[in-house]
Each structure stands twice: as C-alpha cells, then as structure tokens.
Amino acid sequence: MIYAIRGAITVDSDKAEDVDIAVKELMSELYAANSLSDDDIVSVIFSQTKDIRSRNAAAACRKGGFCKEVPLFCVQEADTEGALPLAVRVMVTVDKEEKNPAMVYLKGASVLRPDWKR
C-alpha cells in the first residue's frame, strides 16, 4: 500500500550544522513514529523556506544517514506573506502494508499542524 507521511521542523539558524541537526531530528522522529526503514520508502520531497541557504535539506538527510538508496528532491517553499521562517517540510512516500501514518511536526513547525504536534 502506498501512502504519504508529512512532517516539518524549524531550524535554529541558517547554518549548515543547524540544518543537519534539524533534518536528522525530523527524520529520526518520522522513522521511529512510523516504524520505517529505508526499504519502506519510495521517495522523499523536502521543501525549505528561502531563508535557509546554507544547506539543502535532502543533502542533510543523506548526511544524517537516512535514505541512502532513496530518491530525494528538495525545493524552495513558496515565499508567502506571514510564512513560518526557517522551516523545513517533508513528504515521505511509503510502500508498506501497515497504513497508520503518524505525521511529525516539531519545534516551531508545530503551529502548522497543532493537531499533529509532538
């Protein structure tokens, strides 16, 4: 069964190491909450706000040890008035029999989906 899992996190600052830390935290939580392994994942799409320029979230994901053989893609989030700054969003496409997705919204990104706050 193919389905998507969503999540987001804010980054403390636009420094490569902060992006690495945030993306690793986000992916760790997604994997744990959904009992995922790389074998369950079809593809991953990241978006990040335009104020994050130091590191591509997909590169941070690989650096963190996730999705070694999984296609990754990263885009800039639409720059809209009042948008949450320093945010990384993710949509993970999963192929797994058990469908009970746990969405993960961490740190400042919990305001995006308070119903899925962790």
Protein backbone atom coordinates (compact mmCIF):
# COMPACT_ATOMS: atom_id res chain seq x y z
CA MET A 1 0.00 0.00 0.00
CA ILE A 2 1.42 3.36 -0.99
CA TYR A 3 0.76 6.44 1.14
CA ALA A 4 2.44 9.67 2.24
CA ILE A 5 3.71 10.83 5.61
CA ARG A 6 4.21 14.53 6.25
CA GLY A 7 6.29 16.45 8.70
CA ALA A 8 8.09 19.70 9.39
CA ILE A 9 10.60 21.30 11.71
CA THR A 10 12.11 24.72 12.21
CA VAL A 11 15.86 25.32 12.11
CA ASP A 12 17.56 27.36 14.84
CA SER A 13 19.57 29.41 12.31
CA ASP A 14 20.75 29.34 8.73
CA LYS A 15 23.93 27.42 9.48
CA ALA A 16 24.70 24.11 7.79
CA GLU A 17 25.14 22.33 11.12
CA ASP A 18 21.75 23.60 12.35
CA VAL A 19 20.05 22.35 9.19
CA ASP A 20 21.81 18.98 9.60
CA ILE A 21 20.66 18.70 13.23
CA ALA A 22 17.05 19.68 12.45
CA VAL A 23 16.68 17.35 9.45
CA LYS A 24 18.21 14.46 11.39
CA GLU A 25 15.79 15.09 14.27
CA LEU A 26 12.82 15.25 11.90
CA MET A 27 13.75 12.09 10.02
CA SER A 28 14.57 10.21 13.25
CA GLU A 29 11.12 11.05 14.62
CA LEU A 30 9.39 10.10 11.36
CA TYR A 31 11.21 6.76 11.19
CA ALA A 32 10.51 5.95 14.86
CA ALA A 33 6.86 7.06 14.86
CA ASN A 34 6.13 5.03 11.73
CA SER A 35 8.45 2.03 12.28
CA LEU A 36 10.16 2.82 8.96
CA SER A 37 13.28 1.53 7.32
CA ASP A 38 14.81 2.78 4.09
CA ASP A 39 13.27 -0.27 2.36
CA ASP A 40 9.78 1.11 3.08
CA ILE A 41 10.43 4.47 1.43
CA VAL A 42 9.70 5.12 -2.25
CA SER A 43 10.82 8.77 -2.40
CA VAL A 44 11.16 11.90 -0.28
CA ILE A 45 10.39 15.52 -1.15
CA PHE A 46 11.71 18.31 1.06
CA SER A 47 10.86 21.98 0.90
CA GLN A 48 12.64 24.70 2.78
CA THR A 49 11.96 28.38 3.20
CA LYS A 50 14.06 30.84 1.24
CA ASP A 51 15.89 31.98 4.38
CA ILE A 52 17.65 28.59 4.55
CA ARG A 53 20.55 28.87 2.13
CA SER A 54 23.41 27.14 3.94
CA ARG A 55 22.37 23.52 3.24
CA ASN A 56 19.92 21.64 1.07
CA ALA A 57 17.60 19.55 3.30
CA ALA A 58 17.99 16.49 1.04
CA ALA A 59 21.77 16.68 1.45
CA ALA A 60 21.30 16.99 5.22
CA CYS A 61 19.08 13.90 5.14
CA ARG A 62 21.77 11.81 3.45
CA LYS A 63 24.44 13.27 5.74
CA GLY A 64 22.32 12.16 8.70
CA GLY A 65 22.39 8.56 7.45
CA PHE A 66 18.87 8.34 6.06
CA CYS A 67 17.55 7.33 2.64
CA LYS A 68 20.84 6.05 1.26
CA GLU A 69 19.25 4.44 -1.83
CA VAL A 70 16.05 6.51 -1.92
CA PRO A 71 15.37 9.26 -4.47
CA LEU A 72 15.35 12.65 -2.73
CA PHE A 73 14.24 16.04 -4.02
CA CYS A 74 14.38 19.47 -2.41
CA VAL A 75 12.56 22.64 -3.46
CA GLN A 76 12.14 26.15 -2.11
CA GLU A 77 8.88 26.65 -0.24
CA ALA A 78 6.58 29.28 -1.75
CA ASP A 79 7.54 32.67 -0.33
CA THR A 80 4.22 33.89 1.06
CA GLU A 81 3.33 36.72 3.39
CA GLY A 82 3.39 35.62 7.03
CA ALA A 83 5.04 32.26 6.27
CA LEU A 84 6.84 30.46 9.08
CA PRO A 85 10.56 31.31 8.80
CA LEU A 86 13.44 28.83 8.87
CA ALA A 87 11.17 25.88 8.17
CA VAL A 88 11.85 22.53 6.52
CA ARG A 89 8.89 20.43 5.39
CA VAL A 90 8.96 16.84 4.18
CA MET A 91 6.65 14.43 2.39
CA VAL A 92 7.76 10.81 2.52
CA THR A 93 6.12 8.39 0.09
CA VAL A 94 5.95 4.95 1.71
CA ASP A 95 5.15 1.47 0.40
CA LYS A 96 4.21 -0.56 3.45
CA GLU A 97 1.38 -2.93 4.34
CA GLU A 98 0.51 -1.27 7.63
CA LYS A 99 -1.16 2.07 6.96
CA ASN A 100 -1.34 4.11 10.12
CA PRO A 101 0.77 7.16 9.32
CA ALA A 102 2.00 9.33 12.15
CA MET A 103 2.67 12.87 10.99
CA VAL A 104 5.51 14.69 12.78
CA TYR A 105 5.60 18.47 13.34
CA LEU A 106 8.43 19.59 15.62
CA LYS A 107 9.67 22.76 17.28
CA GLY A 108 8.22 25.96 15.78
CA ALA A 109 6.62 23.97 12.94
CA SER A 110 4.05 22.61 15.38
CA VAL A 111 2.00 25.76 14.66
CA LEU A 112 1.47 24.50 11.10
CA ARG A 113 -0.49 21.48 12.31
CA PRO A 114 -1.22 21.72 16.05
CA ASP A 115 -3.30 18.55 15.74
CA TRP A 116 -0.10 16.63 14.88
CA LYS A 117 2.25 18.33 17.34
CA ARG A 118 4.90 16.12 19.00
